[in-house]
PDB file of N, CA and C in Angstrom:
ATOM      1  N   UNK A   1      12.967  -1.532  10.183  1.00  0.00           N
ATOM      2  CA  UNK A   1      12.152  -2.237   9.212  1.00  0.00           C
ATOM      3  C   UNK A   1      12.749  -2.030   7.823  1.00  0.00           C
ATOM      4  N   UNK A   2      12.582  -3.015   7.011  1.00  0.00           N
ATOM      5  CA  UNK A   2      13.036  -2.928   5.624  1.00  0.00           C
ATOM      6  C   UNK A   2      11.916  -2.348   4.761  1.00  0.00           C
ATOM      7  N   UNK A   3      12.269  -1.915   3.557  1.00  0.00           N
ATOM      8  CA  UNK A   3      11.308  -1.198   2.711  1.00  0.00           C
ATOM      9  C   UNK A   3      10.076  -2.047   2.393  1.00  0.00           C
ATOM     10  N   UNK A   4      10.253  -3.327   2.093  1.00  0.00           N
ATOM     11  CA  UNK A   4       9.098  -4.154   1.738  1.00  0.00           C
ATOM     12  C   UNK A   4       8.167  -4.345   2.933  1.00  0.00           C
ATOM     13  N   UNK A   5       8.717  -4.346   4.145  1.00  0.00           N
ATOM     14  CA  UNK A   5       7.872  -4.468   5.335  1.00  0.00           C
ATOM     15  C   UNK A   5       7.044  -3.202   5.538  1.00  0.00           C
ATOM     16  N   UNK A   6       7.653  -2.057   5.306  1.00  0.00           N
ATOM     17  CA  UNK A   6       6.933  -0.791   5.442  1.00  0.00           C
ATOM     18  C   UNK A   6       5.804  -0.722   4.417  1.00  0.00           C
ATOM     19  N   UNK A   7       6.074  -1.165   3.183  1.00  0.00           N
ATOM     20  CA  UNK A   7       5.041  -1.170   2.144  1.00  0.00           C
ATOM     21  C   UNK A   7       3.855  -2.013   2.588  1.00  0.00           C
ATOM     22  N   UNK A   8       4.101  -3.190   3.138  1.00  0.00           N
ATOM     23  CA  UNK A   8       3.017  -4.062   3.588  1.00  0.00           C
ATOM     24  C   UNK A   8       2.229  -3.445   4.743  1.00  0.00           C
ATOM     25  N   UNK A   9       2.930  -2.843   5.686  1.00  0.00           N
ATOM     26  CA  UNK A   9       2.257  -2.210   6.825  1.00  0.00           C
ATOM     27  C   UNK A   9       1.388  -1.045   6.365  1.00  0.00           C
ATOM     28  N   UNK A  10       1.932  -0.205   5.491  1.00  0.00           N
ATOM     29  CA  UNK A  10       1.178   0.959   5.005  1.00  0.00           C
ATOM     30  C   UNK A  10      -0.023   0.516   4.173  1.00  0.00           C
ATOM     31  N   UNK A  11       0.173  -0.473   3.301  1.00  0.00           N
ATOM     32  CA  UNK A  11      -0.938  -0.957   2.475  1.00  0.00           C
ATOM     33  C   UNK A  11      -2.041  -1.538   3.360  1.00  0.00           C
ATOM     34  N   UNK A  12      -1.672  -2.329   4.346  1.00  0.00           N
ATOM     35  CA  UNK A  12      -2.673  -2.885   5.261  1.00  0.00           C
ATOM     36  C   UNK A  12      -3.408  -1.802   6.034  1.00  0.00           C
ATOM     37  N   UNK A  13      -2.671  -0.789   6.497  1.00  0.00           N
ATOM     38  CA  UNK A  13      -3.296   0.313   7.222  1.00  0.00           C
ATOM     39  C   UNK A  13      -4.247   1.095   6.324  1.00  0.00           C
ATOM     40  N   UNK A  14      -3.841   1.349   5.068  1.00  0.00           N
ATOM     41  CA  UNK A  14      -4.709   2.054   4.127  1.00  0.00           C
ATOM     42  C   UNK A  14      -5.979   1.265   3.851  1.00  0.00           C
ATOM     43  N   UNK A  15      -5.859  -0.036   3.685  1.00  0.00           N
ATOM     44  CA  UNK A  15      -7.037  -0.860   3.413  1.00  0.00           C
ATOM     45  C   UNK A  15      -7.987  -0.839   4.594  1.00  0.00           C
ATOM     46  N   UNK A  16      -7.464  -1.033   5.794  1.00  0.00           N
ATOM     47  CA  UNK A  16      -8.328  -1.019   6.977  1.00  0.00           C
ATOM     48  C   UNK A  16      -8.963   0.354   7.197  1.00  0.00           C
ATOM     49  N   UNK A  17      -8.195   1.412   6.994  1.00  0.00           N
ATOM     50  CA  UNK A  17      -8.738   2.766   7.170  1.00  0.00           C
ATOM     51  C   UNK A  17      -9.826   3.061   6.146  1.00  0.00           C
ATOM     52  N   UNK A  18      -9.604   2.673   4.894  1.00  0.00           N
ATOM     53  CA  UNK A  18     -10.622   2.960   3.881  1.00  0.00           C
ATOM     54  C   UNK A  18     -11.878   2.121   4.093  1.00  0.00           C
ATOM     55  N   UNK A  19     -11.730   0.894   4.584  1.00  0.00           N
ATOM     56  CA  UNK A  19     -12.914   0.097   4.918  1.00  0.00           C
ATOM     57  C   UNK A  19     -13.705   0.741   6.049  1.00  0.00           C
ATOM     58  N   UNK A  20     -12.993   1.243   7.061  1.00  0.00           N
ATOM     59  CA  UNK A  20     -13.666   1.911   8.173  1.00  0.00           C
ATOM     60  C   UNK A  20     -14.370   3.184   7.688  1.00  0.00           C
ATOM     61  N   UNK A  21     -13.689   3.970   6.850  1.00  0.00           N
ATOM     62  CA  UNK A  21     -14.283   5.199   6.342  1.00  0.00           C
ATOM     63  C   UNK A  21     -15.492   4.921   5.449  1.00  0.00           C
ATOM     64  N   UNK A  22     -15.469   3.806   4.731  1.00  0.00           N
ATOM     65  CA  UNK A  22     -16.622   3.465   3.894  1.00  0.00           C
ATOM     66  C   UNK A  22     -17.847   3.141   4.741  1.00  0.00           C
ATOM     67  N   UNK A  23     -17.624   2.630   5.930  1.00  0.00           N
ATOM     68  CA  UNK A  23     -18.744   2.328   6.824  1.00  0.00           C
ATOM     69  C   UNK A  23     -19.245   3.577   7.554  1.00  0.00           C
ATOM     70  N   UNK A  24     -18.334   4.485   7.862  1.00  0.00           N
ATOM     71  CA  UNK A  24     -18.692   5.668   8.638  1.00  0.00           C
ATOM     72  C   UNK A  24     -19.168   6.835   7.783  1.00  0.00           C
ATOM     73  N   UNK A  25     -18.649   6.954   6.567  1.00  0.00           N
ATOM     74  CA  UNK A  25     -18.945   8.133   5.755  1.00  0.00           C
ATOM     75  C   UNK A  25     -19.616   7.791   4.430  1.00  0.00           C
ATOM     76  N   UNK A  26     -18.828   7.295   3.502  1.00  0.00           N
ATOM     77  CA  UNK A  26     -19.331   7.083   2.150  1.00  0.00           C
ATOM     78  C   UNK A  26     -18.791   5.776   1.588  1.00  0.00           C
ATOM     79  N   UNK A  27     -19.650   5.019   0.894  1.00  0.00           N
ATOM     80  CA  UNK A  27     -19.152   3.789   0.276  1.00  0.00           C
ATOM     81  C   UNK A  27     -18.117   4.032  -0.824  1.00  0.00           C
ATOM     82  N   UNK A  28     -17.959   5.283  -1.254  1.00  0.00           N
ATOM     83  CA  UNK A  28     -16.956   5.595  -2.277  1.00  0.00           C
ATOM     84  C   UNK A  28     -15.539   5.382  -1.768  1.00  0.00           C
ATOM     85  N   UNK A  29     -15.350   5.280  -0.459  1.00  0.00           N
ATOM     86  CA  UNK A  29     -14.030   4.976   0.080  1.00  0.00           C
ATOM     87  C   UNK A  29     -13.564   3.592  -0.353  1.00  0.00           C
ATOM     88  N   UNK A  30     -14.479   2.738  -0.769  1.00  0.00           N
ATOM     89  CA  UNK A  30     -14.097   1.406  -1.247  1.00  0.00           C
ATOM     90  C   UNK A  30     -13.288   1.492  -2.535  1.00  0.00           C
ATOM     91  N   UNK A  31     -13.428   2.583  -3.264  1.00  0.00           N
ATOM     92  CA  UNK A  31     -12.614   2.787  -4.467  1.00  0.00           C
ATOM     93  C   UNK A  31     -11.137   2.902  -4.085  1.00  0.00           C
ATOM     94  N   UNK A  32     -10.866   3.524  -2.955  1.00  0.00           N
ATOM     95  CA  UNK A  32      -9.483   3.616  -2.476  1.00  0.00           C
ATOM     96  C   UNK A  32      -8.954   2.234  -2.090  1.00  0.00           C
ATOM     97  N   UNK A  33      -9.810   1.418  -1.481  1.00  0.00           N
ATOM     98  CA  UNK A  33      -9.432   0.043  -1.162  1.00  0.00           C
ATOM     99  C   UNK A  33      -9.069  -0.709  -2.437  1.00  0.00           C
ATOM    100  N   UNK A  34      -9.879  -0.555  -3.471  1.00  0.00           N
ATOM    101  CA  UNK A  34      -9.607  -1.210  -4.755  1.00  0.00           C
ATOM    102  C   UNK A  34      -8.296  -0.693  -5.362  1.00  0.00           C
ATOM    103  N   UNK A  35      -8.033   0.593  -5.243  1.00  0.00           N
ATOM    104  CA  UNK A  35      -6.798   1.180  -5.767  1.00  0.00           C
ATOM    105  C   UNK A  35      -5.574   0.563  -5.103  1.00  0.00           C
ATOM    106  N   UNK A  36      -5.618   0.430  -3.779  1.00  0.00           N
ATOM    107  CA  UNK A  36      -4.499  -0.173  -3.051  1.00  0.00           C
ATOM    108  C   UNK A  36      -4.329  -1.632  -3.471  1.00  0.00           C
ATOM    109  N   UNK A  37      -5.430  -2.356  -3.580  1.00  0.00           N
ATOM    110  CA  UNK A  37      -5.364  -3.748  -3.996  1.00  0.00           C
ATOM    111  C   UNK A  37      -4.803  -3.917  -5.393  1.00  0.00           C
ATOM    112  N   UNK A  38      -5.210  -3.059  -6.310  1.00  0.00           N
ATOM    113  CA  UNK A  38      -4.688  -3.122  -7.677  1.00  0.00           C
ATOM    114  C   UNK A  38      -3.193  -2.809  -7.727  1.00  0.00           C
ATOM    115  N   UNK A  39      -2.763  -1.866  -6.904  1.00  0.00           N
ATOM    116  CA  UNK A  39      -1.333  -1.562  -6.852  1.00  0.00           C
ATOM    117  C   UNK A  39      -0.531  -2.735  -6.299  1.00  0.00           C
ATOM    118  N   UNK A  40      -1.062  -3.422  -5.294  1.00  0.00           N
ATOM    119  CA  UNK A  40      -0.380  -4.598  -4.771  1.00  0.00           C
ATOM    120  C   UNK A  40      -0.319  -5.707  -5.819  1.00  0.00           C
ATOM    121  N   UNK A  41      -1.411  -5.877  -6.548  1.00  0.00           N
ATOM    122  CA  UNK A  41      -1.452  -6.883  -7.607  1.00  0.00           C
ATOM    123  C   UNK A  41      -0.434  -6.556  -8.704  1.00  0.00           C
ATOM    124  N   UNK A  42      -0.397  -5.297  -9.120  1.00  0.00           N
ATOM    125  CA  UNK A  42       0.561  -4.854 -10.135  1.00  0.00           C
ATOM    126  C   UNK A  42       1.989  -5.071  -9.659  1.00  0.00           C
ATOM    127  N   UNK A  43       2.270  -4.748  -8.404  1.00  0.00           N
ATOM    128  CA  UNK A  43       3.622  -4.915  -7.875  1.00  0.00           C
ATOM    129  C   UNK A  43       4.021  -6.382  -7.822  1.00  0.00           C
ATOM    130  N   UNK A  44       3.067  -7.244  -7.556  1.00  0.00           N
ATOM    131  CA  UNK A  44       3.361  -8.669  -7.531  1.00  0.00           C
ATOM    132  C   UNK A  44       3.749  -9.220  -8.885  1.00  0.00           C
ATOM    133  N   UNK A  45       3.106  -8.727  -9.932  1.00  0.00           N
ATOM    134  CA  UNK A  45       3.404  -9.209 -11.282  1.00  0.00           C
ATOM    135  C   UNK A  45       4.630  -8.529 -11.895  1.00  0.00           C
ATOM    136  N   UNK A  46       4.771  -7.231 -11.683  1.00  0.00           N
ATOM    137  CA  UNK A  46       5.862  -6.499 -12.333  1.00  0.00           C
ATOM    138  C   UNK A  46       7.134  -6.444 -11.487  1.00  0.00           C
ATOM    139  N   UNK A  47       7.028  -6.800 -10.198  1.00  0.00           N
ATOM    140  CA  UNK A  47       8.158  -6.731  -9.260  1.00  0.00           C
ATOM    141  C   UNK A  47       8.688  -5.296  -9.118  1.00  0.00           C
ATOM    142  N   UNK A  48       7.809  -4.303  -9.278  1.00  0.00           N
ATOM    143  CA  UNK A  48       8.166  -2.904  -9.105  1.00  0.00           C
ATOM    144  C   UNK A  48       7.064  -2.201  -8.313  1.00  0.00           C
ATOM    145  N   UNK A  49       7.470  -1.473  -7.297  1.00  0.00           N
ATOM    146  CA  UNK A  49       6.528  -0.749  -6.447  1.00  0.00           C
ATOM    147  C   UNK A  49       7.053   0.669  -6.251  1.00  0.00           C
ATOM    148  N   UNK A  50       6.239   1.648  -6.603  1.00  0.00           N
ATOM    149  CA  UNK A  50       6.656   3.045  -6.498  1.00  0.00           C
ATOM    150  C   UNK A  50       6.998   3.413  -5.060  1.00  0.00           C
ATOM    151  N   UNK A  51       6.181   2.973  -4.109  1.00  0.00           N
ATOM    152  CA  UNK A  51       6.433   3.338  -2.721  1.00  0.00           C
ATOM    153  C   UNK A  51       7.767   2.764  -2.228  1.00  0.00           C
ATOM    154  N   UNK A  52       8.073   1.552  -2.620  1.00  0.00           N
ATOM    155  CA  UNK A  52       9.348   0.961  -2.206  1.00  0.00           C
ATOM    156  C   UNK A  52      10.518   1.714  -2.836  1.00  0.00           C
ATOM    157  N   UNK A  53      10.368   2.129  -4.086  1.00  0.00           N
ATOM    158  CA  UNK A  53      11.410   2.924  -4.745  1.00  0.00           C
ATOM    159  C   UNK A  53      11.636   4.234  -3.998  1.00  0.00           C
ATOM    160  N   UNK A  54      10.558   4.899  -3.609  1.00  0.00           N
ATOM    161  CA  UNK A  54      10.675   6.157  -2.867  1.00  0.00           C
ATOM    162  C   UNK A  54      11.306   5.943  -1.496  1.00  0.00           C
ATOM    163  N   UNK A  55      10.911   4.869  -0.816  1.00  0.00           N
ATOM    164  CA  UNK A  55      11.489   4.589   0.497  1.00  0.00           C
ATOM    165  C   UNK A  55      12.989   4.353   0.401  1.00  0.00           C
ATOM    166  N   UNK A  56      13.417   3.644  -0.626  1.00  0.00           N
ATOM    167  CA  UNK A  56      14.854   3.392  -0.798  1.00  0.00           C
ATOM    168  C   UNK A  56      15.610   4.682  -1.094  1.00  0.00           C
ATOM    169  N   UNK A  57      14.992   5.592  -1.830  1.00  0.00           N
ATOM    170  CA  UNK A  57      15.645   6.886  -2.088  1.00  0.00           C
ATOM    171  C   UNK A  57      15.804   7.685  -0.799  1.00  0.00           C
ATOM    172  N   UNK A  58      14.890   7.477   0.156  1.00  0.00           N
ATOM    173  CA  UNK A  58      14.982   8.170   1.440  1.00  0.00           C
ATOM    174  C   UNK A  58      15.892   7.449   2.423  1.00  0.00           C
ATOM    175  N   UNK A  59      16.522   6.358   1.957  1.00  0.00           N
ATOM    176  CA  UNK A  59      17.525   5.698   2.783  1.00  0.00           C
ATOM    177  C   UNK A  59      17.053   4.480   3.553  1.00  0.00           C
ATOM    178  N   UNK A  60      15.823   4.046   3.317  1.00  0.00           N
ATOM    179  CA  UNK A  60      15.343   2.845   4.003  1.00  0.00           C
ATOM    180  C   UNK A  60      15.984   1.635   3.340  1.00  0.00           C
ATOM    181  N   UNK A  61      16.427   0.697   4.171  1.00  0.00           N
ATOM    182  CA  UNK A  61      17.110  -0.495   3.661  1.00  0.00           C
ATOM    183  C   UNK A  61      16.142  -1.403   2.937  1.00  0.00           C
ATOM    184  N   UNK A  62      16.545  -1.912   1.795  1.00  0.00           N
ATOM    185  CA  UNK A  62      15.736  -2.867   1.038  1.00  0.00           C
ATOM    186  C   UNK A  62      16.145  -4.293   1.355  1.00  0.00           C
ATOM    187  N   UNK A  63      15.634  -5.223   0.596  1.00  0.00           N
ATOM    188  CA  UNK A  63      16.027  -6.617   0.760  1.00  0.00           C
ATOM    189  C   UNK A  63      15.102  -7.404   1.646  1.00  0.00           C
ATOM    190  N   UNK A  64      15.486  -8.660   1.859  1.00  0.00           N
ATOM    191  CA  UNK A  64      14.633  -9.591   2.614  1.00  0.00           C
ATOM    192  C   UNK A  64      14.767  -9.447   4.079  1.00  0.00           C
TER     193      UNK A  64
END
């Protein structure tokens, strides 16, 4: 997998997990969902994502 694919998979998993946790434990888990969404929005506008930068430093291939 390329770095951008891993970012999408992890973000989707975090969103689904936090939604599940908000139903099972506390609605405050929705704040984590909002955090992930805001980071995706920021990455879309700025074309920079911290997680993708870290993945590339660990040797994961970037690009399309």
